[in-house]
């Protein structure tokens, strides 16, 4: 699926979740889904828990996060010394 089609699954509306990006038609924030994945939940487990979600919705969350970070500059959290 093309990036544009996946990103259509993400909505930002100031009246829903205080404007946080969510999966369109839900109140599930992209941030929440990414945290589930980061803590080891599988796509299959998330879809089973939240009826109506699809693997494409999860892909859209990941793509949204990746696109959001494209132009970001970062400072290291930990400075490594040799």
C-alpha atoms as a PDB file:
ATOM      1  CA  UNK A   1       0.000   0.000   0.000  1.00  0.00           C
ATOM      2  CA  UNK A   2       1.339   3.415  -0.890  1.00  0.00           C
ATOM      3  CA  UNK A   3       2.407   5.795   1.858  1.00  0.00           C
ATOM      4  CA  UNK A   4      -0.317   8.319   1.061  1.00  0.00           C
ATOM      5  CA  UNK A   5      -3.053   5.678   1.374  1.00  0.00           C
ATOM      6  CA  UNK A   6      -1.659   4.454   4.695  1.00  0.00           C
ATOM      7  CA  UNK A   7      -1.391   7.972   6.084  1.00  0.00           C
ATOM      8  CA  UNK A   8      -5.065   8.584   5.247  1.00  0.00           C
ATOM      9  CA  UNK A   9      -5.783   6.183   8.121  1.00  0.00           C
ATOM     10  CA  UNK A  10      -4.391   8.724  10.603  1.00  0.00           C
ATOM     11  CA  UNK A  11      -6.505  11.689  11.661  1.00  0.00           C
ATOM     12  CA  UNK A  12      -5.693  14.827  13.631  1.00  0.00           C
ATOM     13  CA  UNK A  13      -8.664  16.723  15.025  1.00  0.00           C
ATOM     14  CA  UNK A  14      -8.455  19.135  17.954  1.00  0.00           C
ATOM     15  CA  UNK A  15     -11.828  17.810  19.164  1.00  0.00           C
ATOM     16  CA  UNK A  16     -10.549  14.224  19.427  1.00  0.00           C
ATOM     17  CA  UNK A  17      -7.902  13.323  22.016  1.00  0.00           C
ATOM     18  CA  UNK A  18      -6.859  16.990  22.281  1.00  0.00           C
ATOM     19  CA  UNK A  19      -5.500  16.898  18.724  1.00  0.00           C
ATOM     20  CA  UNK A  20      -3.224  13.882  19.107  1.00  0.00           C
ATOM     21  CA  UNK A  21      -2.908  11.805  15.941  1.00  0.00           C
ATOM     22  CA  UNK A  22      -5.309   8.859  16.120  1.00  0.00           C
ATOM     23  CA  UNK A  23      -6.344   5.975  13.923  1.00  0.00           C
ATOM     24  CA  UNK A  24      -9.208   7.426  11.901  1.00  0.00           C
ATOM     25  CA  UNK A  25     -12.616   6.539  13.308  1.00  0.00           C
ATOM     26  CA  UNK A  26     -11.201   5.627  16.730  1.00  0.00           C
ATOM     27  CA  UNK A  27      -9.834   7.256  19.846  1.00  0.00           C
ATOM     28  CA  UNK A  28      -6.711   5.112  19.682  1.00  0.00           C
ATOM     29  CA  UNK A  29      -3.723   7.443  19.576  1.00  0.00           C
ATOM     30  CA  UNK A  30      -0.768   6.635  17.356  1.00  0.00           C
ATOM     31  CA  UNK A  31       1.393   7.105  20.448  1.00  0.00           C
ATOM     32  CA  UNK A  32      -0.588   4.444  22.336  1.00  0.00           C
ATOM     33  CA  UNK A  33      -0.229   1.888  19.530  1.00  0.00           C
ATOM     34  CA  UNK A  34       3.499   2.565  19.234  1.00  0.00           C
ATOM     35  CA  UNK A  35       3.901   2.099  22.989  1.00  0.00           C
ATOM     36  CA  UNK A  36       2.120  -1.254  22.785  1.00  0.00           C
ATOM     37  CA  UNK A  37       4.500  -2.362  20.044  1.00  0.00           C
ATOM     38  CA  UNK A  38       7.533  -1.060  21.950  1.00  0.00           C
ATOM     39  CA  UNK A  39       6.506  -3.121  24.971  1.00  0.00           C
ATOM     40  CA  UNK A  40       6.352  -6.313  22.965  1.00  0.00           C
ATOM     41  CA  UNK A  41       2.712  -6.580  21.889  1.00  0.00           C
ATOM     42  CA  UNK A  42       2.373  -8.084  18.443  1.00  0.00           C
ATOM     43  CA  UNK A  43       0.261  -6.675  15.653  1.00  0.00           C
ATOM     44  CA  UNK A  44      -1.962  -9.740  15.942  1.00  0.00           C
ATOM     45  CA  UNK A  45      -2.476  -9.191  19.688  1.00  0.00           C
ATOM     46  CA  UNK A  46      -3.389  -5.529  19.176  1.00  0.00           C
ATOM     47  CA  UNK A  47      -5.847  -6.357  16.402  1.00  0.00           C
ATOM     48  CA  UNK A  48      -7.426  -9.067  18.559  1.00  0.00           C
ATOM     49  CA  UNK A  49      -7.803  -6.656  21.500  1.00  0.00           C
ATOM     50  CA  UNK A  50      -9.204  -3.760  19.453  1.00  0.00           C
ATOM     51  CA  UNK A  51     -11.838  -5.131  17.111  1.00  0.00           C
ATOM     52  CA  UNK A  52     -12.053  -3.289  13.829  1.00  0.00           C
ATOM     53  CA  UNK A  53      -8.344  -2.447  13.633  1.00  0.00           C
ATOM     54  CA  UNK A  54      -6.333  -3.848  10.760  1.00  0.00           C
ATOM     55  CA  UNK A  55      -2.670  -4.504  10.207  1.00  0.00           C
ATOM     56  CA  UNK A  56      -2.724  -1.531   7.831  1.00  0.00           C
ATOM     57  CA  UNK A  57      -3.831   0.700  10.729  1.00  0.00           C
ATOM     58  CA  UNK A  58      -0.780  -0.420  12.691  1.00  0.00           C
ATOM     59  CA  UNK A  59       1.454   0.092   9.655  1.00  0.00           C
ATOM     60  CA  UNK A  60       0.009   3.590   9.307  1.00  0.00           C
ATOM     61  CA  UNK A  61       0.982   4.384  12.918  1.00  0.00           C
ATOM     62  CA  UNK A  62       4.555   3.283  12.294  1.00  0.00           C
ATOM     63  CA  UNK A  63       4.758   5.196   9.009  1.00  0.00           C
ATOM     64  CA  UNK A  64       3.297   8.323  10.639  1.00  0.00           C
ATOM     65  CA  UNK A  65       5.953   8.166  13.357  1.00  0.00           C
ATOM     66  CA  UNK A  66       8.725   7.639  10.803  1.00  0.00           C
ATOM     67  CA  UNK A  67       7.539  10.563   8.684  1.00  0.00           C
ATOM     68  CA  UNK A  68       7.251  12.739  11.796  1.00  0.00           C
ATOM     69  CA  UNK A  69      10.912  12.090  12.618  1.00  0.00           C
ATOM     70  CA  UNK A  70      12.312  12.657   9.124  1.00  0.00           C
ATOM     71  CA  UNK A  71      13.373  16.265   9.675  1.00  0.00           C
ATOM     72  CA  UNK A  72      13.952  16.148  13.421  1.00  0.00           C
ATOM     73  CA  UNK A  73      17.330  16.908  14.961  1.00  0.00           C
ATOM     74  CA  UNK A  74      18.317  15.021  18.085  1.00  0.00           C
ATOM     75  CA  UNK A  75      20.653  15.411  20.978  1.00  0.00           C
ATOM     76  CA  UNK A  76      22.081  12.162  22.329  1.00  0.00           C
ATOM     77  CA  UNK A  77      20.425  10.877  25.502  1.00  0.00           C
ATOM     78  CA  UNK A  78      23.624   9.169  26.591  1.00  0.00           C
ATOM     79  CA  UNK A  79      27.062  10.407  25.729  1.00  0.00           C
ATOM     80  CA  UNK A  80      29.313   7.479  25.029  1.00  0.00           C
ATOM     81  CA  UNK A  81      32.978   7.694  25.865  1.00  0.00           C
ATOM     82  CA  UNK A  82      35.630   5.510  24.374  1.00  0.00           C
END
